[in-house]
């Protein structure tokens, strides 16, 4: 089982590196044009591991309308605060927090469990969270 977990982590790192490599070669304004903004109340928060390190998979209940479906995003250590100059962000900590920001590329992470559970979402590029 340990061998499978090791291979899954290697696959996750390799695939994420390819996606990040493509994104890094795009001009910044192009990456922003491919992304968009998000916001809402955190419904579910799950710690996970991505190629960028310890990450957090977040499911949001959109603030625009309770009729819209929930959306999934992934906070990574590379997520920045919406500030000038951009600085490292503070990760979300609990359900109920309000969060908003910009996303850029499809991303994935996996839970550090046996067997690992793969979680998919859009990578948070910039974000701000409420303290409550």
C-alpha atoms as a PDB file:
ATOM      1  CA  UNK A   1       0.000   0.000   0.000  1.00  0.00           C
ATOM      2  CA  UNK A   2       2.894   2.330   0.784  1.00  0.00           C
ATOM      3  CA  UNK A   3       4.306   1.701  -2.707  1.00  0.00           C
ATOM      4  CA  UNK A   4       0.956   2.685  -4.307  1.00  0.00           C
ATOM      5  CA  UNK A   5       0.814   5.854  -2.220  1.00  0.00           C
ATOM      6  CA  UNK A   6       4.359   6.731  -3.283  1.00  0.00           C
ATOM      7  CA  UNK A   7       3.525   6.231  -6.975  1.00  0.00           C
ATOM      8  CA  UNK A   8       0.330   8.273  -6.667  1.00  0.00           C
ATOM      9  CA  UNK A   9       2.260  11.123  -5.085  1.00  0.00           C
ATOM     10  CA  UNK A  10       4.874  10.974  -7.876  1.00  0.00           C
ATOM     11  CA  UNK A  11       2.097  11.041 -10.493  1.00  0.00           C
ATOM     12  CA  UNK A  12       0.422  13.966  -8.744  1.00  0.00           C
ATOM     13  CA  UNK A  13       3.693  15.900  -8.617  1.00  0.00           C
ATOM     14  CA  UNK A  14       4.476  15.190 -12.289  1.00  0.00           C
ATOM     15  CA  UNK A  15       1.033  16.150 -13.598  1.00  0.00           C
ATOM     16  CA  UNK A  16       0.835  19.274 -11.471  1.00  0.00           C
ATOM     17  CA  UNK A  17       4.359  20.281 -12.561  1.00  0.00           C
ATOM     18  CA  UNK A  18       3.279  20.063 -16.200  1.00  0.00           C
ATOM     19  CA  UNK A  19       0.216  22.241 -15.553  1.00  0.00           C
ATOM     20  CA  UNK A  20       2.254  24.768 -13.554  1.00  0.00           C
ATOM     21  CA  UNK A  21       5.006  24.777 -16.192  1.00  0.00           C
ATOM     22  CA  UNK A  22       2.483  25.666 -18.873  1.00  0.00           C
ATOM     23  CA  UNK A  23       0.963  28.367 -16.681  1.00  0.00           C
ATOM     24  CA  UNK A  24       4.373  29.899 -15.877  1.00  0.00           C
ATOM     25  CA  UNK A  25       5.200  30.324 -19.544  1.00  0.00           C
ATOM     26  CA  UNK A  26       1.979  32.248 -20.158  1.00  0.00           C
ATOM     27  CA  UNK A  27       2.089  36.023 -19.699  1.00  0.00           C
ATOM     28  CA  UNK A  28       0.444  37.102 -16.460  1.00  0.00           C
ATOM     29  CA  UNK A  29      -2.421  38.907 -18.181  1.00  0.00           C
ATOM     30  CA  UNK A  30      -3.196  35.783 -20.208  1.00  0.00           C
ATOM     31  CA  UNK A  31      -3.381  33.638 -17.082  1.00  0.00           C
ATOM     32  CA  UNK A  32      -5.744  36.164 -15.493  1.00  0.00           C
ATOM     33  CA  UNK A  33      -7.860  36.217 -18.648  1.00  0.00           C
ATOM     34  CA  UNK A  34      -8.256  32.445 -18.425  1.00  0.00           C
ATOM     35  CA  UNK A  35      -9.344  32.681 -14.799  1.00  0.00           C
ATOM     36  CA  UNK A  36     -12.018  34.598 -13.013  1.00  0.00           C
ATOM     37  CA  UNK A  37     -13.233  35.753  -9.656  1.00  0.00           C
ATOM     38  CA  UNK A  38     -14.905  33.754  -6.911  1.00  0.00           C
ATOM     39  CA  UNK A  39     -16.526  34.425  -3.581  1.00  0.00           C
ATOM     40  CA  UNK A  40     -18.790  32.888  -1.004  1.00  0.00           C
ATOM     41  CA  UNK A  41     -19.032  31.159   2.338  1.00  0.00           C
ATOM     42  CA  UNK A  42     -16.863  28.096   2.948  1.00  0.00           C
ATOM     43  CA  UNK A  43     -19.102  25.032   3.256  1.00  0.00           C
ATOM     44  CA  UNK A  44     -16.422  22.302   3.372  1.00  0.00           C
ATOM     45  CA  UNK A  45     -12.691  22.571   4.035  1.00  0.00           C
ATOM     46  CA  UNK A  46     -10.390  19.537   3.540  1.00  0.00           C
ATOM     47  CA  UNK A  47      -6.590  19.491   4.059  1.00  0.00           C
ATOM     48  CA  UNK A  48      -4.766  17.856   1.147  1.00  0.00           C
ATOM     49  CA  UNK A  49      -1.377  17.625  -0.563  1.00  0.00           C
ATOM     50  CA  UNK A  50      -0.555  19.080  -3.989  1.00  0.00           C
ATOM     51  CA  UNK A  51       2.649  19.456  -5.962  1.00  0.00           C
ATOM     52  CA  UNK A  52       2.988  22.900  -4.349  1.00  0.00           C
ATOM     53  CA  UNK A  53       2.940  21.448  -0.824  1.00  0.00           C
ATOM     54  CA  UNK A  54       0.301  21.283   1.912  1.00  0.00           C
ATOM     55  CA  UNK A  55      -2.922  22.608   0.405  1.00  0.00           C
ATOM     56  CA  UNK A  56      -6.593  23.013   1.282  1.00  0.00           C
ATOM     57  CA  UNK A  57      -9.544  21.937  -0.871  1.00  0.00           C
ATOM     58  CA  UNK A  58     -12.462  24.318  -0.308  1.00  0.00           C
ATOM     59  CA  UNK A  59     -16.083  23.986  -1.376  1.00  0.00           C
ATOM     60  CA  UNK A  60     -17.932  27.308  -1.464  1.00  0.00           C
ATOM     61  CA  UNK A  61     -21.607  28.026  -1.229  1.00  0.00           C
ATOM     62  CA  UNK A  62     -21.843  30.989  -3.664  1.00  0.00           C
ATOM     63  CA  UNK A  63     -22.914  34.268  -2.100  1.00  0.00           C
ATOM     64  CA  UNK A  64     -24.704  35.381  -5.292  1.00  0.00           C
ATOM     65  CA  UNK A  65     -27.601  32.952  -4.971  1.00  0.00           C
ATOM     66  CA  UNK A  66     -28.489  29.954  -2.822  1.00  0.00           C
ATOM     67  CA  UNK A  67     -29.812  28.342  -6.027  1.00  0.00           C
ATOM     68  CA  UNK A  68     -26.341  28.102  -7.620  1.00  0.00           C
ATOM     69  CA  UNK A  69     -24.360  24.868  -7.145  1.00  0.00           C
ATOM     70  CA  UNK A  70     -21.310  24.860  -4.847  1.00  0.00           C
ATOM     71  CA  UNK A  71     -17.891  25.409  -6.413  1.00  0.00           C
ATOM     72  CA  UNK A  72     -14.527  23.877  -5.482  1.00  0.00           C
ATOM     73  CA  UNK A  73     -11.190  25.679  -5.187  1.00  0.00           C
ATOM     74  CA  UNK A  74      -7.738  24.734  -3.914  1.00  0.00           C
ATOM     75  CA  UNK A  75      -5.651  27.006  -1.687  1.00  0.00           C
ATOM     76  CA  UNK A  76      -1.900  26.363  -2.057  1.00  0.00           C
ATOM     77  CA  UNK A  77       1.208  27.842  -0.411  1.00  0.00           C
ATOM     78  CA  UNK A  78       1.608  29.858  -3.655  1.00  0.00           C
ATOM     79  CA  UNK A  79      -1.774  31.603  -3.243  1.00  0.00           C
ATOM     80  CA  UNK A  80      -1.261  35.341  -2.709  1.00  0.00           C
ATOM     81  CA  UNK A  81      -3.209  38.057  -0.905  1.00  0.00           C
ATOM     82  CA  UNK A  82      -5.017  40.665  -3.004  1.00  0.00           C
ATOM     83  CA  UNK A  83      -2.528  43.390  -2.037  1.00  0.00           C
ATOM     84  CA  UNK A  84       0.136  45.525  -3.690  1.00  0.00           C
ATOM     85  CA  UNK A  85       2.730  44.120  -3.643  1.00  0.00           C
ATOM     86  CA  UNK A  86       1.240  40.598  -3.518  1.00  0.00           C
ATOM     87  CA  UNK A  87       2.205  38.787  -0.320  1.00  0.00           C
ATOM     88  CA  UNK A  88       1.683  35.178   0.832  1.00  0.00           C
ATOM     89  CA  UNK A  89      -1.887  34.591   1.898  1.00  0.00           C
ATOM     90  CA  UNK A  90      -3.331  33.285   5.123  1.00  0.00           C
ATOM     91  CA  UNK A  91      -5.082  29.951   4.503  1.00  0.00           C
ATOM     92  CA  UNK A  92      -8.776  29.539   5.272  1.00  0.00           C
ATOM     93  CA  UNK A  93      -9.269  27.806   8.614  1.00  0.00           C
ATOM     94  CA  UNK A  94     -12.896  26.753   9.061  1.00  0.00           C
ATOM     95  CA  UNK A  95     -16.307  26.385   7.423  1.00  0.00           C
ATOM     96  CA  UNK A  96     -18.408  29.529   7.616  1.00  0.00           C
ATOM     97  CA  UNK A  97     -15.585  31.899   6.657  1.00  0.00           C
ATOM     98  CA  UNK A  98     -16.277  34.270   3.791  1.00  0.00           C
ATOM     99  CA  UNK A  99     -13.654  34.159   1.056  1.00  0.00           C
ATOM    100  CA  UNK A 100     -13.174  35.923  -2.250  1.00  0.00           C
ATOM    101  CA  UNK A 101     -10.437  36.172  -4.820  1.00  0.00           C
ATOM    102  CA  UNK A 102      -9.268  35.113  -8.271  1.00  0.00           C
ATOM    103  CA  UNK A 103      -8.706  31.616  -9.627  1.00  0.00           C
ATOM    104  CA  UNK A 104      -6.513  30.625 -12.545  1.00  0.00           C
ATOM    105  CA  UNK A 105      -5.998  26.980 -13.579  1.00  0.00           C
ATOM    106  CA  UNK A 106      -7.688  23.609 -12.954  1.00  0.00           C
ATOM    107  CA  UNK A 107      -5.773  21.874 -10.193  1.00  0.00           C
ATOM    108  CA  UNK A 108      -5.888  18.819  -7.965  1.00  0.00           C
ATOM    109  CA  UNK A 109      -4.623  17.525  -4.667  1.00  0.00           C
ATOM    110  CA  UNK A 110      -5.077  14.355  -2.644  1.00  0.00           C
ATOM    111  CA  UNK A 111      -5.825  13.561   0.965  1.00  0.00           C
ATOM    112  CA  UNK A 112      -3.026  12.014   3.041  1.00  0.00           C
ATOM    113  CA  UNK A 113      -5.130   8.905   3.689  1.00  0.00           C
ATOM    114  CA  UNK A 114      -4.969   5.271   2.611  1.00  0.00           C
ATOM    115  CA  UNK A 115      -6.227   5.054  -0.046  1.00  0.00           C
ATOM    116  CA  UNK A 116      -5.710   8.683  -1.082  1.00  0.00           C
ATOM    117  CA  UNK A 117      -8.747  10.605  -2.295  1.00  0.00           C
ATOM    118  CA  UNK A 118      -8.126  12.912  -5.247  1.00  0.00           C
ATOM    119  CA  UNK A 119      -9.824  16.299  -5.030  1.00  0.00           C
ATOM    120  CA  UNK A 120     -10.255  18.625  -7.987  1.00  0.00           C
ATOM    121  CA  UNK A 121     -10.905  22.344  -8.192  1.00  0.00           C
ATOM    122  CA  UNK A 122      -9.611  25.635  -9.498  1.00  0.00           C
ATOM    123  CA  UNK A 123      -6.356  26.940  -8.017  1.00  0.00           C
ATOM    124  CA  UNK A 124      -6.724  30.085  -5.931  1.00  0.00           C
ATOM    125  CA  UNK A 125      -4.365  32.663  -7.423  1.00  0.00           C
ATOM    126  CA  UNK A 126      -5.264  35.541  -5.080  1.00  0.00           C
ATOM    127  CA  UNK A 127      -7.600  35.498  -2.084  1.00  0.00           C
ATOM    128  CA  UNK A 128      -8.810  37.295   1.032  1.00  0.00           C
ATOM    129  CA  UNK A 129     -10.634  35.578   3.907  1.00  0.00           C
ATOM    130  CA  UNK A 130     -12.743  36.981   6.712  1.00  0.00           C
ATOM    131  CA  UNK A 131     -11.615  36.257  10.289  1.00  0.00           C
ATOM    132  CA  UNK A 132     -15.067  34.944  11.294  1.00  0.00           C
END
